[in-house]
Amino acid sequence: MTPSPPSPIPEKKSNPAPCKHPRVQIVAREEDAEFVECKECGEIFEYSEFKDMTIEDTKFSNES
């Protein structure tokens, strides 16, 4: 009996739709910045970026 080759490592599937970060929590604070982590996808980003994403989403949905 010949040993079977090791099974390939499954590739991380990319989501066709980016995460909308519906639930975030603050993970760090600096003098002039707060960093939040998305509870859904695990991405960490500056809170001001999160506010900008929300504004852009609202803009795009209103333009449709």
C-alpha atoms as a PDB file:
ATOM      1  CA  MET A   1       0.000   0.000   0.000  1.00  0.00           C
ATOM      2  CA  THR A   2       1.515   3.323  -1.048  1.00  0.00           C
ATOM      3  CA  PRO A   3       1.002   6.314   1.196  1.00  0.00           C
ATOM      4  CA  SER A   4      -1.286   8.926  -0.236  1.00  0.00           C
ATOM      5  CA  PRO A   5       0.164  12.372  -0.821  1.00  0.00           C
ATOM      6  CA  PRO A   6      -0.702  14.949   1.830  1.00  0.00           C
ATOM      7  CA  SER A   7      -3.947  16.676   1.157  1.00  0.00           C
ATOM      8  CA  PRO A   8      -3.543  20.226  -0.101  1.00  0.00           C
ATOM      9  CA  ILE A   9      -4.110  23.043   2.352  1.00  0.00           C
ATOM     10  CA  PRO A  10      -7.528  24.548   1.671  1.00  0.00           C
ATOM     11  CA  GLU A  11      -7.278  28.030   0.296  1.00  0.00           C
ATOM     12  CA  LYS A  12      -8.958  30.826   2.146  1.00  0.00           C
ATOM     13  CA  LYS A  13     -12.048  31.706   0.152  1.00  0.00           C
ATOM     14  CA  SER A  14     -12.526  35.375  -0.489  1.00  0.00           C
ATOM     15  CA  ASN A  15     -15.966  36.742   0.188  1.00  0.00           C
ATOM     16  CA  PRO A  16     -17.587  38.202  -2.904  1.00  0.00           C
ATOM     17  CA  ALA A  17     -19.161  40.915  -0.742  1.00  0.00           C
ATOM     18  CA  PRO A  18     -16.889  42.730   1.707  1.00  0.00           C
ATOM     19  CA  CYS A  19     -17.824  42.634   5.378  1.00  0.00           C
ATOM     20  CA  LYS A  20     -19.987  45.578   6.422  1.00  0.00           C
ATOM     21  CA  HIS A  21     -18.606  45.354   9.975  1.00  0.00           C
ATOM     22  CA  PRO A  22     -22.021  45.267  11.675  1.00  0.00           C
ATOM     23  CA  ARG A  23     -20.519  44.682  15.140  1.00  0.00           C
ATOM     24  CA  VAL A  24     -17.280  46.269  16.314  1.00  0.00           C
ATOM     25  CA  GLN A  25     -15.551  46.699  19.653  1.00  0.00           C
ATOM     26  CA  ILE A  26     -12.831  49.114  20.721  1.00  0.00           C
ATOM     27  CA  VAL A  27      -9.526  47.309  21.165  1.00  0.00           C
ATOM     28  CA  ALA A  28      -7.070  50.197  21.668  1.00  0.00           C
ATOM     29  CA  ARG A  29      -6.969  53.927  22.294  1.00  0.00           C
ATOM     30  CA  GLU A  30      -4.176  56.383  21.621  1.00  0.00           C
ATOM     31  CA  GLU A  31      -4.016  60.129  22.181  1.00  0.00           C
ATOM     32  CA  ASP A  32      -6.032  61.015  19.110  1.00  0.00           C
ATOM     33  CA  ALA A  33      -7.232  57.667  17.750  1.00  0.00           C
ATOM     34  CA  GLU A  34      -9.395  54.698  18.670  1.00  0.00           C
ATOM     35  CA  PHE A  35      -8.951  51.302  17.055  1.00  0.00           C
ATOM     36  CA  VAL A  36     -11.845  48.889  16.661  1.00  0.00           C
ATOM     37  CA  GLU A  37     -12.075  45.221  15.728  1.00  0.00           C
ATOM     38  CA  CYS A  38     -14.906  43.790  13.661  1.00  0.00           C
ATOM     39  CA  LYS A  39     -16.541  40.933  15.588  1.00  0.00           C
ATOM     40  CA  GLU A  40     -17.556  39.288  12.285  1.00  0.00           C
ATOM     41  CA  CYS A  41     -14.357  39.247  10.187  1.00  0.00           C
ATOM     42  CA  GLY A  42     -11.681  40.183  12.742  1.00  0.00           C
ATOM     43  CA  GLU A  43     -10.365  43.199  10.825  1.00  0.00           C
ATOM     44  CA  ILE A  44      -8.853  45.949  12.986  1.00  0.00           C
ATOM     45  CA  PHE A  45      -9.002  49.539  11.834  1.00  0.00           C
ATOM     46  CA  GLU A  46      -9.159  53.093  13.088  1.00  0.00           C
ATOM     47  CA  TYR A  47     -12.615  54.166  14.203  1.00  0.00           C
ATOM     48  CA  SER A  48     -12.544  57.231  11.940  1.00  0.00           C
ATOM     49  CA  GLU A  49     -12.170  54.851   8.963  1.00  0.00           C
ATOM     50  CA  PHE A  50     -15.226  52.939  10.184  1.00  0.00           C
ATOM     51  CA  LYS A  51     -17.278  56.152  10.248  1.00  0.00           C
ATOM     52  CA  ASP A  52     -16.085  56.955   6.713  1.00  0.00           C
ATOM     53  CA  MET A  53     -17.133  53.459   5.532  1.00  0.00           C
ATOM     54  CA  THR A  54     -20.600  53.959   6.999  1.00  0.00           C
ATOM     55  CA  ILE A  55     -20.967  57.329   5.276  1.00  0.00           C
ATOM     56  CA  GLU A  56     -19.859  55.856   1.915  1.00  0.00           C
ATOM     57  CA  ASP A  57     -22.321  52.951   2.246  1.00  0.00           C
ATOM     58  CA  THR A  58     -25.153  55.381   2.939  1.00  0.00           C
ATOM     59  CA  LYS A  59     -24.146  57.520  -0.025  1.00  0.00           C
ATOM     60  CA  PHE A  60     -24.054  54.543  -2.425  1.00  0.00           C
ATOM     61  CA  SER A  61     -27.394  53.140  -1.284  1.00  0.00           C
ATOM     62  CA  ASN A  62     -29.089  56.545  -1.659  1.00  0.00           C
ATOM     63  CA  GLU A  63     -27.716  57.011  -5.186  1.00  0.00           C
ATOM     64  CA  SER A  64     -29.191  53.743  -6.450  1.00  0.00           C
END
